[in-house]
Amino acid sequence: MSQDVLSAISTESVLYYIVTYRENFEGFDIIALLMWKGTEQQFKNNKLILRSIDLSSNQLIGEIPKEIENLIELVSLNLSSNHLTGKITSEIGRLTSLEFLDLSRNHLFGPIPSSLAQIDRLSLLNLSNNNLSGRIPIGTQLQSFVASSYEGNADLCGKPLDKNVREMKKPHTRNQKQTWRHKYVLFLNNIVDRITSLWR
């Protein structure tokens, strides 16, 4: 996929543009709205006018295409409920116009990139039910979202989640202690059994 081509495979397709004029006709905005199912579409040189992508629940596989990060005017990106893998790259921070981001219910792994905290306009975020790990980057927007935005990532910690970094380490230590104690008890039982057998 080249940098200026957005392609997707998904029986009907609709592509239409909306032209909205600003107050006193001082300028206008062009918004490309895209809907497709069951066909392959290619759209060239639209990266400056493409504002919204919704490919949720399309059984998409593989990693998130890097070309999406070139759509610098993108306001809404919904890739939820697919089978996407790989990491969320730091280049997502280039999408400074992004207000809505939903990557939930995929198989994404690794840390949440700190560049995500630099997207000032982000008002809705959902990264739940993936395999993300590490600490949620510190940033005004990322801490302001509800905990459900991050839930379902067993190895993720930090605010607004209840668990912190120390709590993430405790279960592992506790399990190690329980394993050691279990072995010690078995060892003592074995010795007692042998001593008892000598008295018989």
Protein backbone atom coordinates (compact mmCIF):
# COMPACT_ATOMS: atom_id res chain seq x y z
CA MET A 1 0.00 0.00 0.00
CA SER A 2 1.56 3.28 -1.09
CA GLN A 3 1.50 6.39 1.05
CA ASP A 4 -1.23 8.15 -0.96
CA VAL A 5 -3.52 5.15 -1.39
CA LEU A 6 -6.06 3.86 1.07
CA SER A 7 -7.34 0.42 0.07
CA ALA A 8 -9.75 -1.90 1.80
CA ILE A 9 -11.59 -5.11 1.12
CA SER A 10 -14.94 -5.42 2.69
CA THR A 11 -21.80 -5.86 -1.79
CA GLU A 12 -22.43 -2.04 -1.81
CA SER A 13 -20.15 0.93 -1.81
CA VAL A 14 -20.88 4.60 -1.36
CA LEU A 15 -18.46 7.48 -1.65
CA TYR A 16 -19.65 11.03 -1.37
CA TYR A 17 -18.24 14.39 -0.46
CA ILE A 18 -19.77 17.07 1.73
CA VAL A 19 -18.76 20.66 1.18
CA THR A 20 -19.45 22.93 4.15
CA TYR A 21 -18.95 26.67 3.90
CA ARG A 22 -17.59 28.65 6.79
CA GLU A 23 -19.23 31.76 8.18
CA ASN A 24 -19.38 34.68 5.70
CA PHE A 25 -18.14 32.25 3.01
CA GLU A 26 -14.54 32.91 3.98
CA GLY A 27 -13.65 29.33 3.09
CA PHE A 28 -14.97 25.82 2.94
CA ASP A 29 -14.22 22.33 4.18
CA ILE A 30 -14.40 19.18 2.08
CA ILE A 31 -15.24 15.98 3.92
CA ALA A 32 -15.02 12.58 2.21
CA LEU A 33 -17.44 10.01 3.63
CA LEU A 34 -16.78 6.40 2.78
CA MET A 35 -18.94 3.28 3.06
CA TRP A 36 -18.15 -0.08 1.50
CA LYS A 37 -18.90 -3.78 1.77
CA GLY A 38 -17.55 -6.70 -0.23
CA THR A 39 -15.49 -4.76 -2.78
CA GLU A 40 -11.97 -3.43 -3.06
CA GLN A 41 -11.69 0.35 -3.28
CA GLN A 42 -8.72 2.61 -3.85
CA PHE A 43 -8.73 6.31 -3.10
CA LYS A 44 -5.72 8.31 -4.22
CA ASN A 45 -4.49 11.62 -2.88
CA ASN A 46 -7.21 11.94 -0.25
CA LYS A 47 -5.05 11.96 2.83
CA LEU A 48 -5.64 15.65 3.45
CA ILE A 49 -9.44 15.46 3.22
CA LEU A 50 -10.21 12.07 4.73
CA ARG A 51 -11.70 12.80 8.15
CA SER A 52 -13.30 9.55 9.33
CA ILE A 53 -12.55 5.82 9.01
CA ASP A 54 -14.85 3.16 10.47
CA LEU A 55 -13.76 -0.42 9.72
CA SER A 56 -15.14 -1.94 12.90
CA SER A 57 -16.38 -5.56 12.96
CA ASN A 58 -14.88 -6.46 9.57
CA GLN A 59 -12.74 -9.44 10.64
CA LEU A 60 -9.60 -7.59 9.58
CA ILE A 61 -6.31 -9.32 10.34
CA GLY A 62 -2.69 -8.22 10.50
CA GLU A 63 -1.15 -5.04 11.82
CA ILE A 64 -2.60 -1.54 11.62
CA PRO A 65 -1.38 -0.11 8.27
CA LYS A 66 1.33 2.50 8.75
CA GLU A 67 -0.24 4.59 5.97
CA ILE A 68 -3.08 5.55 8.31
CA GLU A 69 -0.56 7.65 10.22
CA ASN A 70 -0.18 9.87 7.15
CA LEU A 71 -3.85 10.88 7.29
CA ILE A 72 -3.02 13.95 9.33
CA GLU A 73 -6.53 15.45 9.11
CA LEU A 74 -8.20 12.32 10.45
CA VAL A 75 -10.71 13.13 13.19
CA SER A 76 -12.23 9.70 13.84
CA LEU A 77 -10.67 6.23 13.60
CA ASN A 78 -12.62 3.09 14.54
CA LEU A 79 -10.90 -0.26 14.02
CA SER A 80 -12.63 -2.05 16.88
CA SER A 81 -13.82 -5.67 16.98
CA ASN A 82 -11.38 -7.09 14.45
CA HIS A 83 -8.38 -9.41 14.70
CA LEU A 84 -5.61 -6.83 14.46
CA THR A 85 -2.24 -7.66 15.96
CA GLY A 86 1.04 -5.89 16.55
CA LYS A 87 1.91 -2.78 18.51
CA ILE A 88 0.41 0.69 18.49
CA THR A 89 3.33 2.61 17.01
CA SER A 90 4.52 5.95 18.32
CA GLU A 91 3.73 7.50 14.91
CA ILE A 92 0.06 7.61 15.90
CA GLY A 93 0.99 10.84 17.66
CA ARG A 94 1.14 12.48 14.22
CA LEU A 95 -2.67 12.35 14.05
CA THR A 96 -2.99 15.60 15.97
CA SER A 97 -6.57 16.24 14.71
CA LEU A 98 -7.84 12.96 16.13
CA GLU A 99 -10.83 13.30 18.46
CA PHE A 100 -12.14 9.71 18.46
CA LEU A 101 -10.00 6.56 18.59
CA ASP A 102 -11.39 3.05 19.11
CA LEU A 103 -9.00 0.11 18.85
CA SER A 104 -10.87 -2.09 21.32
CA ARG A 105 -11.47 -5.84 21.00
CA ASN A 106 -8.41 -6.72 18.95
CA HIS A 107 -5.17 -8.53 19.75
CA LEU A 108 -2.85 -5.53 20.01
CA PHE A 109 0.07 -5.92 22.38
CA GLY A 110 2.92 -3.96 23.88
CA PRO A 111 2.87 -0.58 25.63
CA ILE A 112 0.64 2.39 24.90
CA PRO A 113 2.92 4.88 23.11
CA SER A 114 3.57 8.09 25.02
CA SER A 115 2.90 10.08 21.82
CA LEU A 116 -0.81 9.30 22.29
CA ALA A 117 -0.81 11.66 25.27
CA GLN A 118 0.25 14.49 22.95
CA ILE A 119 -3.00 14.44 20.95
CA ASP A 120 -4.72 17.37 22.66
CA ARG A 121 -8.05 17.03 20.83
CA LEU A 122 -8.63 13.41 21.78
CA SER A 123 -11.97 13.28 23.62
CA LEU A 124 -12.97 9.62 23.26
CA LEU A 125 -10.56 6.71 23.58
CA ASN A 126 -11.17 2.96 23.80
CA LEU A 127 -8.25 0.54 23.99
CA SER A 128 -10.06 -2.12 26.03
CA ASN A 129 -9.87 -5.87 25.53
CA ASN A 130 -6.47 -6.18 23.92
CA ASN A 131 -3.16 -7.51 25.23
CA LEU A 132 -1.58 -4.15 26.04
CA SER A 133 0.97 -4.02 28.82
CA GLY A 134 3.03 -1.63 30.92
CA ARG A 135 2.09 1.69 32.45
CA ILE A 136 -0.46 4.06 30.94
CA PRO A 137 1.56 7.12 29.82
CA ILE A 138 1.10 10.20 31.96
CA GLY A 139 -0.89 12.85 30.12
CA THR A 140 -3.94 14.95 30.84
CA GLN A 141 -6.13 13.26 28.25
CA LEU A 142 -5.11 9.69 29.03
CA GLN A 143 -5.80 10.02 32.74
CA SER A 144 -9.15 11.76 32.14
CA PHE A 145 -10.71 8.79 30.36
CA VAL A 146 -12.80 6.28 32.32
CA ALA A 147 -11.15 3.06 33.46
CA SER A 148 -13.31 1.03 31.04
CA SER A 149 -11.27 2.57 28.20
CA TYR A 150 -8.35 0.40 29.30
CA GLU A 151 -9.98 -2.64 30.93
CA GLY A 152 -9.40 -6.13 29.57
CA ASN A 153 -5.62 -5.65 29.31
CA ALA A 154 -4.33 -7.87 32.09
CA ASP A 155 -0.79 -6.45 32.12
CA LEU A 156 -1.74 -2.77 31.88
CA CYS A 157 -1.47 -0.55 34.96
CA GLY A 158 -1.55 3.05 36.11
CA LYS A 159 -4.30 5.65 36.41
CA PRO A 160 -7.21 5.57 35.79
CA LEU A 161 -7.01 1.81 36.44
CA ASP A 162 -7.17 0.74 40.08
CA LYS A 163 -3.99 -1.31 39.88
CA ASN A 164 -0.60 0.40 39.95
CA VAL A 165 2.88 -0.81 39.06
CA ARG A 166 3.62 -2.19 42.54
CA GLU A 167 0.38 -4.17 42.60
CA MET A 168 1.29 -5.67 39.23
CA LYS A 169 4.45 -7.12 40.79
CA LYS A 170 2.87 -8.41 44.02
CA PRO A 171 0.93 -11.39 42.61
CA HIS A 172 4.11 -12.71 41.00
CA THR A 173 6.04 -12.44 44.29
CA ARG A 174 3.19 -13.96 46.25
CA ASN A 175 2.98 -16.88 43.85
CA GLN A 176 6.70 -17.48 44.22
CA LYS A 177 6.38 -17.53 48.03
CA GLN A 178 3.42 -19.91 47.86
CA THR A 179 5.36 -22.25 45.56
CA TRP A 180 8.37 -22.24 47.92
CA ARG A 181 6.16 -22.92 50.95
CA HIS A 182 4.38 -25.73 49.16
CA LYS A 183 7.69 -27.42 48.33
CA TYR A 184 8.89 -26.95 51.91
CA VAL A 185 5.73 -28.57 53.34
CA LEU A 186 6.07 -31.51 50.95
CA PHE A 187 9.70 -31.91 52.00
CA LEU A 188 8.78 -31.95 55.71
CA ASN A 189 5.96 -34.42 55.11
CA ASN A 190 8.37 -36.70 53.29
CA ILE A 191 10.82 -36.63 56.23
CA VAL A 192 8.05 -37.29 58.76
CA ASP A 193 6.79 -40.24 56.71
CA ARG A 194 10.27 -41.76 56.59
CA ILE A 195 10.84 -41.32 60.33
CA THR A 196 7.43 -42.81 61.07
CA SER A 197 8.17 -45.81 58.87
CA LEU A 198 11.35 -46.53 60.90
CA TRP A 199 9.32 -46.89 64.10
CA ARG A 200 6.98 -49.42 62.60
